């Protein structure tokens, strides 16, 4: 059995925003995909385009790393985040499921 190693990158706008992307490889594709997680903008810097900037940085990094797609999740009711992702060219696709381990 072969085990794959995941690569993760934390992108930062120092003191303002951060986002994490994790590269995922699978046997169905010859290129990895990126999972965008933990996009966060410090409260005092919200509403100034920093969420867009850090998200675009993540998209650019995924392209640079040869990913064939980038995937992100967002909770229900966060319409402003959904609108941001859609404005960056992302499309709603399927459902996301989660199981928490306590």
PDB file of N, CA and C in Angstrom:
ATOM      1  N   UNK A   1       0.846  -1.176   0.000  1.00  0.00           N
ATOM      2  CA  UNK A   1       0.000   0.000   0.000  1.00  0.00           C
ATOM      3  C   UNK A   1       0.896   1.245   0.000  1.00  0.00           C
ATOM      4  N   UNK A   2       0.576   2.168  -0.854  1.00  0.00           N
ATOM      5  CA  UNK A   2       1.323   3.426  -0.931  1.00  0.00           C
ATOM      6  C   UNK A   2       0.578   4.515  -0.170  1.00  0.00           C
ATOM      7  N   UNK A   3       1.303   5.289   0.595  1.00  0.00           N
ATOM      8  CA  UNK A   3       0.692   6.397   1.321  1.00  0.00           C
ATOM      9  C   UNK A   3       1.091   7.701   0.661  1.00  0.00           C
ATOM     10  N   UNK A   4       0.141   8.595   0.540  1.00  0.00           N
ATOM     11  CA  UNK A   4       0.383   9.910  -0.034  1.00  0.00           C
ATOM     12  C   UNK A   4       0.694  10.893   1.087  1.00  0.00           C
ATOM     13  N   UNK A   5       1.528  11.838   0.784  1.00  0.00           N
ATOM     14  CA  UNK A   5       1.833  12.898   1.735  1.00  0.00           C
ATOM     15  C   UNK A   5       1.094  14.148   1.280  1.00  0.00           C
ATOM     16  N   UNK A   6       0.409  14.770   2.201  1.00  0.00           N
ATOM     17  CA  UNK A   6      -0.309  16.000   1.901  1.00  0.00           C
ATOM     18  C   UNK A   6       0.616  17.173   2.152  1.00  0.00           C
ATOM     19  N   UNK A   7       0.474  18.188   1.327  1.00  0.00           N
ATOM     20  CA  UNK A   7       1.246  19.417   1.506  1.00  0.00           C
ATOM     21  C   UNK A   7       0.283  20.526   1.877  1.00  0.00           C
ATOM     22  N   UNK A   8       0.653  21.313   2.851  1.00  0.00           N
ATOM     23  CA  UNK A   8      -0.177  22.425   3.260  1.00  0.00           C
ATOM     24  C   UNK A   8       0.602  23.725   3.215  1.00  0.00           C
ATOM     25  N   UNK A   9      -0.107  24.799   2.948  1.00  0.00           N
ATOM     26  CA  UNK A   9       0.493  26.125   2.866  1.00  0.00           C
ATOM     27  C   UNK A   9      -0.396  27.109   3.600  1.00  0.00           C
ATOM     28  N   UNK A  10       0.201  27.925   4.440  1.00  0.00           N
ATOM     29  CA  UNK A  10      -0.525  29.005   5.086  1.00  0.00           C
ATOM     30  C   UNK A  10      -0.115  30.291   4.380  1.00  0.00           C
ATOM     31  N   UNK A  11      -1.091  30.963   3.796  1.00  0.00           N
ATOM     32  CA  UNK A  11      -0.855  32.236   3.107  1.00  0.00           C
ATOM     33  C   UNK A  11      -1.227  33.355   4.057  1.00  0.00           C
ATOM     34  N   UNK A  12      -0.445  34.422   4.049  1.00  0.00           N
ATOM     35  CA  UNK A  12      -0.685  35.504   5.007  1.00  0.00           C
ATOM     36  C   UNK A  12      -0.559  36.889   4.375  1.00  0.00           C
ATOM     37  N   UNK A  13      -1.412  37.757   4.830  1.00  0.00           N
ATOM     38  CA  UNK A  13      -1.204  39.189   4.711  1.00  0.00           C
ATOM     39  C   UNK A  13      -0.908  39.564   6.160  1.00  0.00           C
ATOM     40  N   UNK A  14       0.353  39.756   6.512  1.00  0.00           N
ATOM     41  CA  UNK A  14       0.751  39.867   7.917  1.00  0.00           C
ATOM     42  C   UNK A  14      -0.108  40.835   8.738  1.00  0.00           C
ATOM     43  N   UNK A  15      -0.639  40.288   9.838  1.00  0.00           N
ATOM     44  CA  UNK A  15      -1.451  41.071  10.747  1.00  0.00           C
ATOM     45  C   UNK A  15      -2.853  41.384  10.267  1.00  0.00           C
ATOM     46  N   UNK A  16      -3.188  40.948   9.042  1.00  0.00           N
ATOM     47  CA  UNK A  16      -4.471  41.300   8.427  1.00  0.00           C
ATOM     48  C   UNK A  16      -5.323  40.074   8.136  1.00  0.00           C
ATOM     49  N   UNK A  17      -4.770  39.089   7.424  1.00  0.00           N
ATOM     50  CA  UNK A  17      -5.571  37.950   6.963  1.00  0.00           C
ATOM     51  C   UNK A  17      -4.684  36.728   6.764  1.00  0.00           C
ATOM     52  N   UNK A  18      -5.337  35.564   6.764  1.00  0.00           N
ATOM     53  CA  UNK A  18      -4.627  34.318   6.481  1.00  0.00           C
ATOM     54  C   UNK A  18      -5.601  33.314   5.864  1.00  0.00           C
ATOM     55  N   UNK A  19      -5.038  32.342   5.183  1.00  0.00           N
ATOM     56  CA  UNK A  19      -5.815  31.249   4.605  1.00  0.00           C
ATOM     57  C   UNK A  19      -4.896  30.047   4.476  1.00  0.00           C
ATOM     58  N   UNK A  20      -5.472  28.867   4.536  1.00  0.00           N
ATOM     59  CA  UNK A  20      -4.705  27.632   4.404  1.00  0.00           C
ATOM     60  C   UNK A  20      -5.186  26.880   3.175  1.00  0.00           C
ATOM     61  N   UNK A  21      -4.240  26.381   2.393  1.00  0.00           N
ATOM     62  CA  UNK A  21      -4.604  25.447   1.330  1.00  0.00           C
ATOM     63  C   UNK A  21      -3.848  24.142   1.571  1.00  0.00           C
ATOM     64  N   UNK A  22      -4.541  23.046   1.321  1.00  0.00           N
ATOM     65  CA  UNK A  22      -3.962  21.716   1.441  1.00  0.00           C
ATOM     66  C   UNK A  22      -4.080  21.060   0.077  1.00  0.00           C
ATOM     67  N   UNK A  23      -2.973  20.529  -0.419  1.00  0.00           N
ATOM     68  CA  UNK A  23      -2.999  19.819  -1.689  1.00  0.00           C
ATOM     69  C   UNK A  23      -3.378  18.362  -1.440  1.00  0.00           C
ATOM     70  N   UNK A  24      -4.314  17.873  -2.214  1.00  0.00           N
ATOM     71  CA  UNK A  24      -4.811  16.511  -2.072  1.00  0.00           C
ATOM     72  C   UNK A  24      -4.581  15.775  -3.382  1.00  0.00           C
ATOM     73  N   UNK A  25      -3.954  14.616  -3.281  1.00  0.00           N
ATOM     74  CA  UNK A  25      -3.745  13.774  -4.455  1.00  0.00           C
ATOM     75  C   UNK A  25      -4.672  12.573  -4.372  1.00  0.00           C
ATOM     76  N   UNK A  26      -5.164  12.140  -5.525  1.00  0.00           N
ATOM     77  CA  UNK A  26      -5.929  10.902  -5.564  1.00  0.00           C
ATOM     78  C   UNK A  26      -5.627  10.185  -6.860  1.00  0.00           C
ATOM     79  N   UNK A  27      -6.017   8.947  -6.945  1.00  0.00           N
ATOM     80  CA  UNK A  27      -5.668   8.113  -8.095  1.00  0.00           C
ATOM     81  C   UNK A  27      -6.509   8.399  -9.335  1.00  0.00           C
ATOM     82  N   UNK A  28      -7.541   9.213  -9.215  1.00  0.00           N
ATOM     83  CA  UNK A  28      -8.409   9.488 -10.353  1.00  0.00           C
ATOM     84  C   UNK A  28      -7.875  10.592 -11.254  1.00  0.00           C
ATOM     85  N   UNK A  29      -6.918  11.375 -10.756  1.00  0.00           N
ATOM     86  CA  UNK A  29      -6.379  12.500 -11.521  1.00  0.00           C
ATOM     87  C   UNK A  29      -4.863  12.494 -11.435  1.00  0.00           C
ATOM     88  N   UNK A  30      -4.230  12.983 -12.478  1.00  0.00           N
ATOM     89  CA  UNK A  30      -2.773  13.036 -12.463  1.00  0.00           C
ATOM     90  C   UNK A  30      -2.234  14.303 -11.805  1.00  0.00           C
ATOM     91  N   UNK A  31      -3.130  15.202 -11.414  1.00  0.00           N
ATOM     92  CA  UNK A  31      -2.744  16.430 -10.729  1.00  0.00           C
ATOM     93  C   UNK A  31      -3.497  16.517  -9.410  1.00  0.00           C
ATOM     94  N   UNK A  32      -2.938  17.210  -8.421  1.00  0.00           N
ATOM     95  CA  UNK A  32      -3.645  17.372  -7.148  1.00  0.00           C
ATOM     96  C   UNK A  32      -4.731  18.440  -7.246  1.00  0.00           C
ATOM     97  N   UNK A  33      -5.586  18.480  -6.239  1.00  0.00           N
ATOM     98  CA  UNK A  33      -6.490  19.616  -6.091  1.00  0.00           C
ATOM     99  C   UNK A  33      -6.175  20.296  -4.774  1.00  0.00           C
ATOM    100  N   UNK A  34      -6.631  21.528  -4.624  1.00  0.00           N
ATOM    101  CA  UNK A  34      -6.384  22.291  -3.408  1.00  0.00           C
ATOM    102  C   UNK A  34      -7.671  22.434  -2.621  1.00  0.00           C
ATOM    103  N   UNK A  35      -7.561  22.277  -1.308  1.00  0.00           N
ATOM    104  CA  UNK A  35      -8.665  22.506  -0.394  1.00  0.00           C
ATOM    105  C   UNK A  35      -8.367  23.801   0.344  1.00  0.00           C
ATOM    106  N   UNK A  36      -9.233  24.779   0.183  1.00  0.00           N
ATOM    107  CA  UNK A  36      -9.079  26.072   0.833  1.00  0.00           C
ATOM    108  C   UNK A  36      -9.799  26.035   2.174  1.00  0.00           C
ATOM    109  N   UNK A  37      -9.080  26.335   3.236  1.00  0.00           N
ATOM    110  CA  UNK A  37      -9.625  26.257   4.593  1.00  0.00           C
ATOM    111  C   UNK A  37      -9.225  27.486   5.387  1.00  0.00           C
ATOM    112  N   UNK A  38      -9.986  27.748   6.409  1.00  0.00           N
ATOM    113  CA  UNK A  38      -9.625  28.737   7.428  1.00  0.00           C
ATOM    114  C   UNK A  38      -9.257  30.105   6.869  1.00  0.00           C
ATOM    115  N   UNK A  39     -10.074  30.605   5.971  1.00  0.00           N
ATOM    116  CA  UNK A  39      -9.895  31.983   5.495  1.00  0.00           C
ATOM    117  C   UNK A  39     -10.345  32.894   6.632  1.00  0.00           C
ATOM    118  N   UNK A  40      -9.453  33.773   7.058  1.00  0.00           N
ATOM    119  CA  UNK A  40      -9.762  34.625   8.202  1.00  0.00           C
ATOM    120  C   UNK A  40      -9.175  36.010   8.001  1.00  0.00           C
ATOM    121  N   UNK A  41     -10.010  37.017   8.263  1.00  0.00           N
ATOM    122  CA  UNK A  41      -9.571  38.412   8.217  1.00  0.00           C
ATOM    123  C   UNK A  41      -9.804  39.003   9.607  1.00  0.00           C
ATOM    124  N   UNK A  42      -8.777  39.650  10.153  1.00  0.00           N
ATOM    125  CA  UNK A  42      -8.918  40.311  11.450  1.00  0.00           C
ATOM    126  C   UNK A  42     -10.069  41.314  11.374  1.00  0.00           C
ATOM    127  N   UNK A  43     -10.825  41.402  12.445  1.00  0.00           N
ATOM    128  CA  UNK A  43     -12.046  42.197  12.458  1.00  0.00           C
ATOM    129  C   UNK A  43     -11.844  43.635  11.981  1.00  0.00           C
ATOM    130  N   UNK A  44     -10.791  44.284  12.419  1.00  0.00           N
ATOM    131  CA  UNK A  44     -10.595  45.689  12.045  1.00  0.00           C
ATOM    132  C   UNK A  44     -10.231  45.892  10.572  1.00  0.00           C
ATOM    133  N   UNK A  45      -9.937  44.782   9.862  1.00  0.00           N
ATOM    134  CA  UNK A  45      -9.582  44.877   8.441  1.00  0.00           C
ATOM    135  C   UNK A  45     -10.662  44.316   7.521  1.00  0.00           C
ATOM    136  N   UNK A  46     -11.798  43.957   8.083  1.00  0.00           N
ATOM    137  CA  UNK A  46     -12.900  43.419   7.276  1.00  0.00           C
ATOM    138  C   UNK A  46     -13.575  44.544   6.499  1.00  0.00           C
ATOM    139  N   UNK A  47     -14.169  44.190   5.375  1.00  0.00           N
ATOM    140  CA  UNK A  47     -14.882  45.165   4.552  1.00  0.00           C
ATOM    141  C   UNK A  47     -13.963  46.045   3.728  1.00  0.00           C
ATOM    142  N   UNK A  48     -12.691  45.661   3.629  1.00  0.00           N
ATOM    143  CA  UNK A  48     -11.705  46.455   2.893  1.00  0.00           C
ATOM    144  C   UNK A  48     -11.098  45.681   1.724  1.00  0.00           C
ATOM    145  N   UNK A  49     -11.703  44.549   1.372  1.00  0.00           N
ATOM    146  CA  UNK A  49     -11.204  43.765   0.240  1.00  0.00           C
ATOM    147  C   UNK A  49     -10.137  42.743   0.602  1.00  0.00           C
ATOM    148  N   UNK A  50      -9.854  42.582   1.891  1.00  0.00           N
ATOM    149  CA  UNK A  50      -8.804  41.650   2.291  1.00  0.00           C
ATOM    150  C   UNK A  50      -9.212  40.188   2.162  1.00  0.00           C
ATOM    151  N   UNK A  51     -10.500  39.882   2.347  1.00  0.00           N
ATOM    152  CA  UNK A  51     -10.975  38.521   2.117  1.00  0.00           C
ATOM    153  C   UNK A  51     -10.804  38.126   0.659  1.00  0.00           C
ATOM    154  N   UNK A  52     -11.117  39.049  -0.220  1.00  0.00           N
ATOM    155  CA  UNK A  52     -10.928  38.823  -1.659  1.00  0.00           C
ATOM    156  C   UNK A  52      -9.444  38.633  -1.965  1.00  0.00           C
ATOM    157  N   UNK A  53      -8.614  39.485  -1.392  1.00  0.00           N
ATOM    158  CA  UNK A  53      -7.182  39.432  -1.679  1.00  0.00           C
ATOM    159  C   UNK A  53      -6.568  38.110  -1.226  1.00  0.00           C
ATOM    160  N   UNK A  54      -6.854  37.674   0.010  1.00  0.00           N
ATOM    161  CA  UNK A  54      -6.264  36.433   0.509  1.00  0.00           C
ATOM    162  C   UNK A  54      -6.834  35.217  -0.227  1.00  0.00           C
ATOM    163  N   UNK A  55      -8.110  35.267  -0.601  1.00  0.00           N
ATOM    164  CA  UNK A  55      -8.710  34.168  -1.380  1.00  0.00           C
ATOM    165  C   UNK A  55      -8.084  34.088  -2.764  1.00  0.00           C
ATOM    166  N   UNK A  56      -7.850  35.234  -3.388  1.00  0.00           N
ATOM    167  CA  UNK A  56      -7.204  35.241  -4.706  1.00  0.00           C
ATOM    168  C   UNK A  56      -5.765  34.738  -4.600  1.00  0.00           C
ATOM    169  N   UNK A  57      -5.087  35.080  -3.515  1.00  0.00           N
ATOM    170  CA  UNK A  57      -3.736  34.555  -3.289  1.00  0.00           C
ATOM    171  C   UNK A  57      -3.763  33.031  -3.233  1.00  0.00           C
ATOM    172  N   UNK A  58      -4.782  32.468  -2.586  1.00  0.00           N
ATOM    173  CA  UNK A  58      -4.913  31.014  -2.491  1.00  0.00           C
ATOM    174  C   UNK A  58      -5.175  30.400  -3.863  1.00  0.00           C
ATOM    175  N   UNK A  59      -6.043  31.023  -4.640  1.00  0.00           N
ATOM    176  CA  UNK A  59      -6.326  30.540  -5.991  1.00  0.00           C
ATOM    177  C   UNK A  59      -5.062  30.574  -6.839  1.00  0.00           C
ATOM    178  N   UNK A  60      -4.327  31.667  -6.765  1.00  0.00           N
ATOM    179  CA  UNK A  60      -3.090  31.804  -7.541  1.00  0.00           C
ATOM    180  C   UNK A  60      -2.056  30.758  -7.121  1.00  0.00           C
ATOM    181  N   UNK A  61      -1.937  30.504  -5.815  1.00  0.00           N
ATOM    182  CA  UNK A  61      -0.983  29.504  -5.315  1.00  0.00           C
ATOM    183  C   UNK A  61      -1.371  28.111  -5.800  1.00  0.00           C
ATOM    184  N   UNK A  62      -2.658  27.786  -5.779  1.00  0.00           N
ATOM    185  CA  UNK A  62      -3.107  26.482  -6.261  1.00  0.00           C
ATOM    186  C   UNK A  62      -2.777  26.297  -7.740  1.00  0.00           C
ATOM    187  N   UNK A  63      -2.985  27.344  -8.531  1.00  0.00           N
ATOM    188  CA  UNK A  63      -2.628  27.273  -9.952  1.00  0.00           C
ATOM    189  C   UNK A  63      -1.123  27.077 -10.117  1.00  0.00           C
ATOM    190  N   UNK A  64      -0.344  27.850  -9.355  1.00  0.00           N
ATOM    191  CA  UNK A  64       1.120  27.769  -9.419  1.00  0.00           C
ATOM    192  C   UNK A  64       1.611  26.361  -9.090  1.00  0.00           C
ATOM    193  N   UNK A  65       0.920  25.689  -8.168  1.00  0.00           N
ATOM    194  CA  UNK A  65       1.303  24.347  -7.739  1.00  0.00           C
ATOM    195  C   UNK A  65       0.772  23.252  -8.655  1.00  0.00           C
ATOM    196  N   UNK A  66       0.079  23.642  -9.730  1.00  0.00           N
ATOM    197  CA  UNK A  66      -0.381  22.672 -10.718  1.00  0.00           C
ATOM    198  C   UNK A  66      -1.683  21.975 -10.380  1.00  0.00           C
ATOM    199  N   UNK A  67      -2.468  22.523  -9.492  1.00  0.00           N
ATOM    200  CA  UNK A  67      -3.750  21.911  -9.139  1.00  0.00           C
ATOM    201  C   UNK A  67      -4.745  22.014 -10.288  1.00  0.00           C
ATOM    202  N   UNK A  68      -5.615  21.033 -10.393  1.00  0.00           N
ATOM    203  CA  UNK A  68      -6.634  21.082 -11.441  1.00  0.00           C
ATOM    204  C   UNK A  68      -7.910  21.770 -10.965  1.00  0.00           C
ATOM    205  N   UNK A  69      -8.052  21.983  -9.632  1.00  0.00           N
ATOM    206  CA  UNK A  69      -9.202  22.713  -9.101  1.00  0.00           C
ATOM    207  C   UNK A  69      -8.882  23.151  -7.676  1.00  0.00           C
ATOM    208  N   UNK A  70      -9.704  24.063  -7.180  1.00  0.00           N
ATOM    209  CA  UNK A  70      -9.658  24.449  -5.769  1.00  0.00           C
ATOM    210  C   UNK A  70     -11.067  24.315  -5.221  1.00  0.00           C
ATOM    211  N   UNK A  71     -11.169  23.762  -4.024  1.00  0.00           N
ATOM    212  CA  UNK A  71     -12.453  23.497  -3.387  1.00  0.00           C
ATOM    213  C   UNK A  71     -12.467  24.208  -2.038  1.00  0.00           C
ATOM    214  N   UNK A  72     -13.594  24.800  -1.697  1.00  0.00           N
ATOM    215  CA  UNK A  72     -13.727  25.388  -0.367  1.00  0.00           C
ATOM    216  C   UNK A  72     -15.115  25.085   0.167  1.00  0.00           C
ATOM    217  N   UNK A  73     -15.256  25.215   1.458  1.00  0.00           N
ATOM    218  CA  UNK A  73     -16.554  25.029   2.086  1.00  0.00           C
ATOM    219  C   UNK A  73     -16.888  26.280   2.874  1.00  0.00           C
ATOM    220  N   UNK A  74     -18.165  26.477   3.105  1.00  0.00           N
ATOM    221  CA  UNK A  74     -18.628  27.604   3.896  1.00  0.00           C
ATOM    222  C   UNK A  74     -19.952  27.212   4.531  1.00  0.00           C
ATOM    223  N   UNK A  75     -20.148  27.644   5.748  1.00  0.00           N
ATOM    224  CA  UNK A  75     -21.374  27.287   6.462  1.00  0.00           C
ATOM    225  C   UNK A  75     -22.591  28.000   5.867  1.00  0.00           C
ATOM    226  N   UNK A  76     -23.755  27.397   6.096  1.00  0.00           N
ATOM    227  CA  UNK A  76     -25.008  28.036   5.703  1.00  0.00           C
ATOM    228  C   UNK A  76     -25.114  29.402   6.373  1.00  0.00           C
ATOM    229  N   UNK A  77     -25.798  30.331   5.731  1.00  0.00           N
ATOM    230  CA  UNK A  77     -26.064  31.630   6.323  1.00  0.00           C
ATOM    231  C   UNK A  77     -24.943  32.637   6.175  1.00  0.00           C
ATOM    232  N   UNK A  78     -23.845  32.256   5.570  1.00  0.00           N
ATOM    233  CA  UNK A  78     -22.730  33.185   5.388  1.00  0.00           C
ATOM    234  C   UNK A  78     -22.760  33.709   3.952  1.00  0.00           C
ATOM    235  N   UNK A  79     -23.865  34.351   3.634  1.00  0.00           N
ATOM    236  CA  UNK A  79     -24.115  34.784   2.258  1.00  0.00           C
ATOM    237  C   UNK A  79     -23.030  35.711   1.720  1.00  0.00           C
ATOM    238  N   UNK A  80     -22.460  36.559   2.569  1.00  0.00           N
ATOM    239  CA  UNK A  80     -21.402  37.461   2.113  1.00  0.00           C
ATOM    240  C   UNK A  80     -20.165  36.678   1.670  1.00  0.00           C
ATOM    241  N   UNK A  81     -19.867  35.573   2.355  1.00  0.00           N
ATOM    242  CA  UNK A  81     -18.735  34.725   1.966  1.00  0.00           C
ATOM    243  C   UNK A  81     -19.059  33.991   0.672  1.00  0.00           C
ATOM    244  N   UNK A  82     -20.285  33.480   0.575  1.00  0.00           N
ATOM    245  CA  UNK A  82     -20.690  32.774  -0.643  1.00  0.00           C
ATOM    246  C   UNK A  82     -20.603  33.712  -1.840  1.00  0.00           C
ATOM    247  N   UNK A  83     -21.054  34.939  -1.658  1.00  0.00           N
ATOM    248  CA  UNK A  83     -20.982  35.933  -2.727  1.00  0.00           C
ATOM    249  C   UNK A  83     -19.548  36.229  -3.126  1.00  0.00           C
ATOM    250  N   UNK A  84     -18.654  36.305  -2.149  1.00  0.00           N
ATOM    251  CA  UNK A  84     -17.238  36.533  -2.446  1.00  0.00           C
ATOM    252  C   UNK A  84     -16.694  35.401  -3.300  1.00  0.00           C
ATOM    253  N   UNK A  85     -16.925  34.152  -2.873  1.00  0.00           N
ATOM    254  CA  UNK A  85     -16.412  33.010  -3.623  1.00  0.00           C
ATOM    255  C   UNK A  85     -16.985  32.977  -5.036  1.00  0.00           C
ATOM    256  N   UNK A  86     -18.264  33.262  -5.172  1.00  0.00           N
ATOM    257  CA  UNK A  86     -18.872  33.273  -6.513  1.00  0.00           C
ATOM    258  C   UNK A  86     -18.271  34.389  -7.365  1.00  0.00           C
ATOM    259  N   UNK A  87     -17.981  35.542  -6.764  1.00  0.00           N
ATOM    260  CA  UNK A  87     -17.389  36.644  -7.527  1.00  0.00           C
ATOM    261  C   UNK A  87     -15.965  36.328  -7.983  1.00  0.00           C
ATOM    262  N   UNK A  88     -15.333  35.343  -7.331  1.00  0.00           N
ATOM    263  CA  UNK A  88     -13.993  34.904  -7.728  1.00  0.00           C
ATOM    264  C   UNK A  88     -14.052  33.779  -8.765  1.00  0.00           C
ATOM    265  N   UNK A  89     -15.257  33.454  -9.229  1.00  0.00           N
ATOM    266  CA  UNK A  89     -15.417  32.450 -10.270  1.00  0.00           C
ATOM    267  C   UNK A  89     -15.789  31.066  -9.776  1.00  0.00           C
ATOM    268  N   UNK A  90     -15.935  30.896  -8.465  1.00  0.00           N
ATOM    269  CA  UNK A  90     -16.308  29.590  -7.928  1.00  0.00           C
ATOM    270  C   UNK A  90     -17.801  29.367  -8.120  1.00  0.00           C
ATOM    271  N   UNK A  91     -18.166  28.098  -8.227  1.00  0.00           N
ATOM    272  CA  UNK A  91     -19.561  27.733  -8.420  1.00  0.00           C
ATOM    273  C   UNK A  91     -19.996  26.786  -7.312  1.00  0.00           C
ATOM    274  N   UNK A  92     -21.257  26.911  -6.899  1.00  0.00           N
ATOM    275  CA  UNK A  92     -21.803  25.960  -5.934  1.00  0.00           C
ATOM    276  C   UNK A  92     -21.793  24.586  -6.587  1.00  0.00           C
ATOM    277  N   UNK A  93     -21.329  23.594  -5.829  1.00  0.00           N
ATOM    278  CA  UNK A  93     -21.177  22.262  -6.402  1.00  0.00           C
ATOM    279  C   UNK A  93     -21.371  21.229  -5.297  1.00  0.00           C
ATOM    280  N   UNK A  94     -22.488  20.572  -5.287  1.00  0.00           N
ATOM    281  CA  UNK A  94     -22.721  19.485  -4.349  1.00  0.00           C
ATOM    282  C   UNK A  94     -22.936  19.935  -2.917  1.00  0.00           C
ATOM    283  N   UNK A  95     -22.733  19.004  -2.017  1.00  0.00           N
ATOM    284  CA  UNK A  95     -22.888  19.219  -0.589  1.00  0.00           C
ATOM    285  C   UNK A  95     -21.577  18.908   0.113  1.00  0.00           C
ATOM    286  N   UNK A  96     -21.430  19.457   1.288  1.00  0.00           N
ATOM    287  CA  UNK A  96     -20.298  19.143   2.135  1.00  0.00           C
ATOM    288  C   UNK A  96     -20.847  18.458   3.382  1.00  0.00           C
ATOM    289  N   UNK A  97     -20.230  17.375   3.789  1.00  0.00           N
ATOM    290  CA  UNK A  97     -20.658  16.661   4.988  1.00  0.00           C
ATOM    291  C   UNK A  97     -19.524  16.650   5.989  1.00  0.00           C
ATOM    292  N   UNK A  98     -19.886  16.573   7.267  1.00  0.00           N
ATOM    293  CA  UNK A  98     -18.882  16.698   8.321  1.00  0.00           C
ATOM    294  C   UNK A  98     -19.237  15.783   9.482  1.00  0.00           C
ATOM    295  N   UNK A  99     -18.225  15.205  10.078  1.00  0.00           N
ATOM    296  CA  UNK A  99     -18.375  14.400  11.282  1.00  0.00           C
ATOM    297  C   UNK A  99     -17.335  14.887  12.271  1.00  0.00           C
ATOM    298  N   UNK A 100     -17.788  15.471  13.385  1.00  0.00           N
ATOM    299  CA  UNK A 100     -16.867  15.983  14.404  1.00  0.00           C
ATOM    300  C   UNK A 100     -16.461  14.878  15.356  1.00  0.00           C
ATOM    301  N   UNK A 101     -15.188  14.855  15.700  1.00  0.00           N
ATOM    302  CA  UNK A 101     -14.662  13.931  16.713  1.00  0.00           C
ATOM    303  C   UNK A 101     -14.382  14.747  17.969  1.00  0.00           C
ATOM    304  N   UNK A 102     -15.059  14.415  19.045  1.00  0.00           N
ATOM    305  CA  UNK A 102     -14.932  15.204  20.280  1.00  0.00           C
ATOM    306  C   UNK A 102     -13.860  14.650  21.171  1.00  0.00           C
TER     307      UNK A 102
END
